[in-house]
Amino acid sequence: MLEVEVDLKSSPDLAKAPLTIGQLAKRAGVATSALRFYEAEGLIAGSRSSGGHRQYPRHVLRRVAFIRAAQVVGLTLPQIKAALATLPQGRTPTKADWTRLSAGWAPLLDERIAALQQLRERLTGCIGCGCLSLKACALYNPEDVKRGEGAGARLLRIETGS
């Protein structure tokens, strides 16, 4: 049997309530340490509750999603920060923002695709060789200008004081 309760107080609008760092981490699929790092780097912003706990407005979820998507594309955090800085008043990126920003990343992706194709070609050649020599392998040691001086860390200089 179900009883109806009356005189209930309305709960705060949960859709507007800030998220704790744990809630944000769970919803965004990232570690809380990543969120702290993003905040320290100025990629996201939150506030502190009266008890001193981190809390974030719900729109930060979209910002974290933007950061993660840009990382998957291969952008560095400084590049992501620069992209976010182009948004007025640090707002959350919209679909139009993503379209505009991602169009600028196309040449970067083309370069990475070309580099991966070149790596695949070199790797195919190395399978037959099998040397993986520190001296000669073009894949493992490309453009090594110090190889003529012998094996070892040639640029490491230890000052002894004597």
C-alpha atoms as a PDB file:
ATOM      1  CA  MET A   1       0.000   0.000   0.000  1.00  0.00           C
ATOM      2  CA  LEU A   2       1.303   3.435  -0.911  1.00  0.00           C
ATOM      3  CA  GLU A   3       0.687   6.423   1.329  1.00  0.00           C
ATOM      4  CA  VAL A   4       0.866   9.993   0.110  1.00  0.00           C
ATOM      5  CA  GLU A   5       2.789  12.413   2.273  1.00  0.00           C
ATOM      6  CA  VAL A   6       1.675  16.006   2.490  1.00  0.00           C
ATOM      7  CA  ASP A   7       3.391  19.177   3.625  1.00  0.00           C
ATOM      8  CA  LEU A   8       6.673  18.268   1.938  1.00  0.00           C
ATOM      9  CA  LYS A   9       9.140  21.061   1.498  1.00  0.00           C
ATOM     10  CA  SER A  10      10.290  21.577  -2.047  1.00  0.00           C
ATOM     11  CA  SER A  11      13.844  20.491  -2.663  1.00  0.00           C
ATOM     12  CA  PRO A  12      16.276  22.872  -4.296  1.00  0.00           C
ATOM     13  CA  ASP A  13      16.373  22.740  -8.071  1.00  0.00           C
ATOM     14  CA  LEU A  14      18.946  19.986  -8.559  1.00  0.00           C
ATOM     15  CA  ALA A  15      19.520  21.012 -12.164  1.00  0.00           C
ATOM     16  CA  LYS A  16      21.027  24.260 -10.900  1.00  0.00           C
ATOM     17  CA  ALA A  17      22.866  22.907  -7.858  1.00  0.00           C
ATOM     18  CA  PRO A  18      26.650  22.953  -8.147  1.00  0.00           C
ATOM     19  CA  LEU A  19      28.539  19.688  -8.501  1.00  0.00           C
ATOM     20  CA  THR A  20      31.107  18.537  -5.992  1.00  0.00           C
ATOM     21  CA  ILE A  21      34.491  17.593  -7.391  1.00  0.00           C
ATOM     22  CA  GLY A  22      33.593  13.930  -6.950  1.00  0.00           C
ATOM     23  CA  GLN A  23      30.307  14.331  -8.796  1.00  0.00           C
ATOM     24  CA  LEU A  24      31.988  16.245 -11.612  1.00  0.00           C
ATOM     25  CA  ALA A  25      34.732  13.631 -11.886  1.00  0.00           C
ATOM     26  CA  LYS A  26      32.207  10.808 -12.067  1.00  0.00           C
ATOM     27  CA  ARG A  27      29.979  12.558 -14.612  1.00  0.00           C
ATOM     28  CA  ALA A  28      32.925  13.656 -16.772  1.00  0.00           C
ATOM     29  CA  GLY A  29      34.809  10.364 -16.513  1.00  0.00           C
ATOM     30  CA  VAL A  30      38.030  11.911 -15.235  1.00  0.00           C
ATOM     31  CA  ALA A  31      39.992  11.665 -12.016  1.00  0.00           C
ATOM     32  CA  THR A  32      39.547  14.321  -9.358  1.00  0.00           C
ATOM     33  CA  SER A  33      43.287  14.987  -9.622  1.00  0.00           C
ATOM     34  CA  ALA A  34      42.782  15.874 -13.302  1.00  0.00           C
ATOM     35  CA  LEU A  35      40.077  18.357 -12.340  1.00  0.00           C
ATOM     36  CA  ARG A  36      42.333  19.935  -9.730  1.00  0.00           C
ATOM     37  CA  PHE A  37      45.064  20.191 -12.365  1.00  0.00           C
ATOM     38  CA  TYR A  38      42.687  21.717 -14.933  1.00  0.00           C
ATOM     39  CA  GLU A  39      41.623  24.250 -12.319  1.00  0.00           C
ATOM     40  CA  ALA A  40      45.221  25.083 -11.395  1.00  0.00           C
ATOM     41  CA  GLU A  41      45.981  25.581 -15.097  1.00  0.00           C
ATOM     42  CA  GLY A  42      43.007  27.925 -15.519  1.00  0.00           C
ATOM     43  CA  LEU A  43      41.055  25.588 -17.813  1.00  0.00           C
ATOM     44  CA  ILE A  44      38.056  25.327 -15.486  1.00  0.00           C
ATOM     45  CA  ALA A  45      36.867  27.375 -12.540  1.00  0.00           C
ATOM     46  CA  GLY A  46      34.969  26.451  -9.445  1.00  0.00           C
ATOM     47  CA  SER A  47      34.286  27.853  -6.035  1.00  0.00           C
ATOM     48  CA  ARG A  48      34.429  26.652  -2.451  1.00  0.00           C
ATOM     49  CA  SER A  49      31.506  25.689  -0.309  1.00  0.00           C
ATOM     50  CA  SER A  50      31.153  27.089   3.192  1.00  0.00           C
ATOM     51  CA  GLY A  51      32.922  23.922   4.362  1.00  0.00           C
ATOM     52  CA  GLY A  52      35.830  24.562   1.992  1.00  0.00           C
ATOM     53  CA  HIS A  53      34.951  21.849  -0.531  1.00  0.00           C
ATOM     54  CA  ARG A  54      35.370  22.408  -4.244  1.00  0.00           C
ATOM     55  CA  GLN A  55      32.139  22.838  -6.194  1.00  0.00           C
ATOM     56  CA  TYR A  56      31.538  23.567  -9.843  1.00  0.00           C
ATOM     57  CA  PRO A  57      28.673  24.976 -11.864  1.00  0.00           C
ATOM     58  CA  ARG A  58      27.088  22.349 -14.102  1.00  0.00           C
ATOM     59  CA  HIS A  59      28.274  24.033 -17.296  1.00  0.00           C
ATOM     60  CA  VAL A  60      31.826  22.994 -16.354  1.00  0.00           C
ATOM     61  CA  LEU A  61      30.828  19.499 -17.526  1.00  0.00           C
ATOM     62  CA  ARG A  62      30.748  20.791 -21.119  1.00  0.00           C
ATOM     63  CA  ARG A  63      34.097  22.516 -20.635  1.00  0.00           C
ATOM     64  CA  VAL A  64      35.688  19.294 -19.351  1.00  0.00           C
ATOM     65  CA  ALA A  65      34.182  17.433 -22.313  1.00  0.00           C
ATOM     66  CA  PHE A  66      35.764  20.022 -24.622  1.00  0.00           C
ATOM     67  CA  ILE A  67      39.158  19.581 -22.911  1.00  0.00           C
ATOM     68  CA  ARG A  68      38.990  15.794 -23.154  1.00  0.00           C
ATOM     69  CA  ALA A  69      37.907  15.868 -26.816  1.00  0.00           C
ATOM     70  CA  ALA A  70      40.729  18.266 -27.669  1.00  0.00           C
ATOM     71  CA  GLN A  71      43.196  15.976 -25.877  1.00  0.00           C
ATOM     72  CA  VAL A  72      41.962  13.012 -27.915  1.00  0.00           C
ATOM     73  CA  VAL A  73      42.635  15.072 -31.044  1.00  0.00           C
ATOM     74  CA  GLY A  74      46.182  15.444 -29.738  1.00  0.00           C
ATOM     75  CA  LEU A  75      46.228  19.022 -28.533  1.00  0.00           C
ATOM     76  CA  THR A  76      48.404  19.949 -25.607  1.00  0.00           C
ATOM     77  CA  LEU A  77      46.954  21.672 -22.559  1.00  0.00           C
ATOM     78  CA  PRO A  78      48.569  25.006 -23.529  1.00  0.00           C
ATOM     79  CA  GLN A  79      46.893  24.734 -26.970  1.00  0.00           C
ATOM     80  CA  ILE A  80      43.561  23.897 -25.326  1.00  0.00           C
ATOM     81  CA  LYS A  81      43.950  26.812 -22.922  1.00  0.00           C
ATOM     82  CA  ALA A  82      44.660  29.150 -25.836  1.00  0.00           C
ATOM     83  CA  ALA A  83      41.542  27.877 -27.631  1.00  0.00           C
ATOM     84  CA  LEU A  84      39.374  28.376 -24.550  1.00  0.00           C
ATOM     85  CA  ALA A  85      40.820  31.860 -24.098  1.00  0.00           C
ATOM     86  CA  THR A  86      39.275  32.871 -27.446  1.00  0.00           C
ATOM     87  CA  LEU A  87      35.798  32.434 -25.998  1.00  0.00           C
ATOM     88  CA  PRO A  88      34.141  35.578 -24.685  1.00  0.00           C
ATOM     89  CA  GLN A  89      34.176  35.895 -20.903  1.00  0.00           C
ATOM     90  CA  GLY A  90      35.525  32.360 -20.504  1.00  0.00           C
ATOM     91  CA  ARG A  91      32.169  30.844 -21.376  1.00  0.00           C
ATOM     92  CA  THR A  92      31.527  27.220 -22.160  1.00  0.00           C
ATOM     93  CA  PRO A  93      32.151  26.280 -25.807  1.00  0.00           C
ATOM     94  CA  THR A  94      29.121  25.915 -28.048  1.00  0.00           C
ATOM     95  CA  LYS A  95      28.744  23.730 -31.135  1.00  0.00           C
ATOM     96  CA  ALA A  96      29.645  26.744 -33.281  1.00  0.00           C
ATOM     97  CA  ASP A  97      32.786  27.333 -31.176  1.00  0.00           C
ATOM     98  CA  TRP A  98      33.805  23.697 -31.590  1.00  0.00           C
ATOM     99  CA  THR A  99      33.281  23.915 -35.361  1.00  0.00           C
ATOM    100  CA  ARG A 100      35.387  27.068 -35.612  1.00  0.00           C
ATOM    101  CA  LEU A 101      38.179  25.829 -33.354  1.00  0.00           C
ATOM    102  CA  SER A 102      38.336  22.318 -34.793  1.00  0.00           C
ATOM    103  CA  ALA A 103      38.659  23.709 -38.323  1.00  0.00           C
ATOM    104  CA  GLY A 104      41.864  25.395 -37.168  1.00  0.00           C
ATOM    105  CA  TRP A 105      43.169  22.064 -35.891  1.00  0.00           C
ATOM    106  CA  ALA A 106      42.784  20.274 -39.245  1.00  0.00           C
ATOM    107  CA  PRO A 107      46.360  21.078 -40.380  1.00  0.00           C
ATOM    108  CA  LEU A 108      47.703  19.707 -37.088  1.00  0.00           C
ATOM    109  CA  LEU A 109      45.772  16.487 -37.613  1.00  0.00           C
ATOM    110  CA  ASP A 110      46.994  16.254 -41.217  1.00  0.00           C
ATOM    111  CA  GLU A 111      50.607  16.561 -39.973  1.00  0.00           C
ATOM    112  CA  ARG A 112      50.049  13.829 -37.391  1.00  0.00           C
ATOM    113  CA  ILE A 113      48.451  11.530 -39.941  1.00  0.00           C
ATOM    114  CA  ALA A 114      51.407  12.045 -42.288  1.00  0.00           C
ATOM    115  CA  ALA A 115      53.865  11.358 -39.447  1.00  0.00           C
ATOM    116  CA  LEU A 116      52.028   8.157 -38.510  1.00  0.00           C
ATOM    117  CA  GLN A 117      52.010   7.000 -42.137  1.00  0.00           C
ATOM    118  CA  GLN A 118      55.754   7.653 -42.342  1.00  0.00           C
ATOM    119  CA  LEU A 119      56.265   5.745 -39.092  1.00  0.00           C
ATOM    120  CA  ARG A 120      54.266   2.825 -40.486  1.00  0.00           C
ATOM    121  CA  GLU A 121      56.482   2.774 -43.590  1.00  0.00           C
ATOM    122  CA  ARG A 122      59.661   2.845 -41.500  1.00  0.00           C
ATOM    123  CA  LEU A 123      58.334   0.165 -39.188  1.00  0.00           C
ATOM    124  CA  THR A 124      57.580  -2.134 -42.097  1.00  0.00           C
ATOM    125  CA  GLY A 125      61.204  -1.775 -43.226  1.00  0.00           C
ATOM    126  CA  CYS A 126      62.486  -2.499 -39.735  1.00  0.00           C
ATOM    127  CA  ILE A 127      60.596  -5.754 -39.388  1.00  0.00           C
ATOM    128  CA  GLY A 128      62.886  -7.332 -42.006  1.00  0.00           C
ATOM    129  CA  CYS A 129      66.011  -5.779 -40.483  1.00  0.00           C
ATOM    130  CA  GLY A 130      65.402  -6.576 -36.835  1.00  0.00           C
ATOM    131  CA  CYS A 131      68.496  -4.688 -35.678  1.00  0.00           C
ATOM    132  CA  LEU A 132      66.984  -1.832 -33.629  1.00  0.00           C
ATOM    133  CA  SER A 133      70.585  -0.710 -33.293  1.00  0.00           C
ATOM    134  CA  LEU A 134      71.193   2.367 -31.191  1.00  0.00           C
ATOM    135  CA  LYS A 135      73.842   3.374 -33.723  1.00  0.00           C
ATOM    136  CA  ALA A 136      72.145   2.802 -37.060  1.00  0.00           C
ATOM    137  CA  CYS A 137      68.384   2.314 -36.740  1.00  0.00           C
ATOM    138  CA  ALA A 138      66.541   5.130 -38.492  1.00  0.00           C
ATOM    139  CA  LEU A 139      63.387   4.348 -36.523  1.00  0.00           C
ATOM    140  CA  TYR A 140      64.851   4.071 -33.024  1.00  0.00           C
ATOM    141  CA  ASN A 141      67.552   6.710 -33.456  1.00  0.00           C
ATOM    142  CA  PRO A 142      66.513   9.094 -36.266  1.00  0.00           C
ATOM    143  CA  GLU A 143      68.839  11.887 -37.314  1.00  0.00           C
ATOM    144  CA  ASP A 144      71.353  11.137 -34.553  1.00  0.00           C
ATOM    145  CA  VAL A 145      74.133  13.649 -35.184  1.00  0.00           C
ATOM    146  CA  LYS A 146      76.242  12.400 -32.260  1.00  0.00           C
ATOM    147  CA  ARG A 147      76.380   8.727 -33.320  1.00  0.00           C
ATOM    148  CA  GLY A 148      79.829   9.251 -34.825  1.00  0.00           C
ATOM    149  CA  GLU A 149      81.225   9.912 -31.336  1.00  0.00           C
ATOM    150  CA  GLY A 150      80.328   6.436 -30.098  1.00  0.00           C
ATOM    151  CA  ALA A 151      77.704   4.873 -27.887  1.00  0.00           C
ATOM    152  CA  GLY A 152      76.425   6.452 -24.678  1.00  0.00           C
ATOM    153  CA  ALA A 153      75.069   9.766 -23.509  1.00  0.00           C
ATOM    154  CA  ARG A 154      77.447  12.143 -25.297  1.00  0.00           C
ATOM    155  CA  LEU A 155      75.703  15.306 -24.194  1.00  0.00           C
ATOM    156  CA  LEU A 156      75.740  14.437 -20.487  1.00  0.00           C
ATOM    157  CA  ARG A 157      78.613  16.294 -18.851  1.00  0.00           C
ATOM    158  CA  ILE A 158      79.348  15.745 -15.187  1.00  0.00           C
ATOM    159  CA  GLU A 159      81.374  18.447 -13.467  1.00  0.00           C
ATOM    160  CA  THR A 160      83.712  16.957 -10.878  1.00  0.00           C
ATOM    161  CA  GLY A 161      85.338  20.075  -9.520  1.00  0.00           C
ATOM    162  CA  SER A 162      88.867  18.653  -9.838  1.00  0.00           C
END
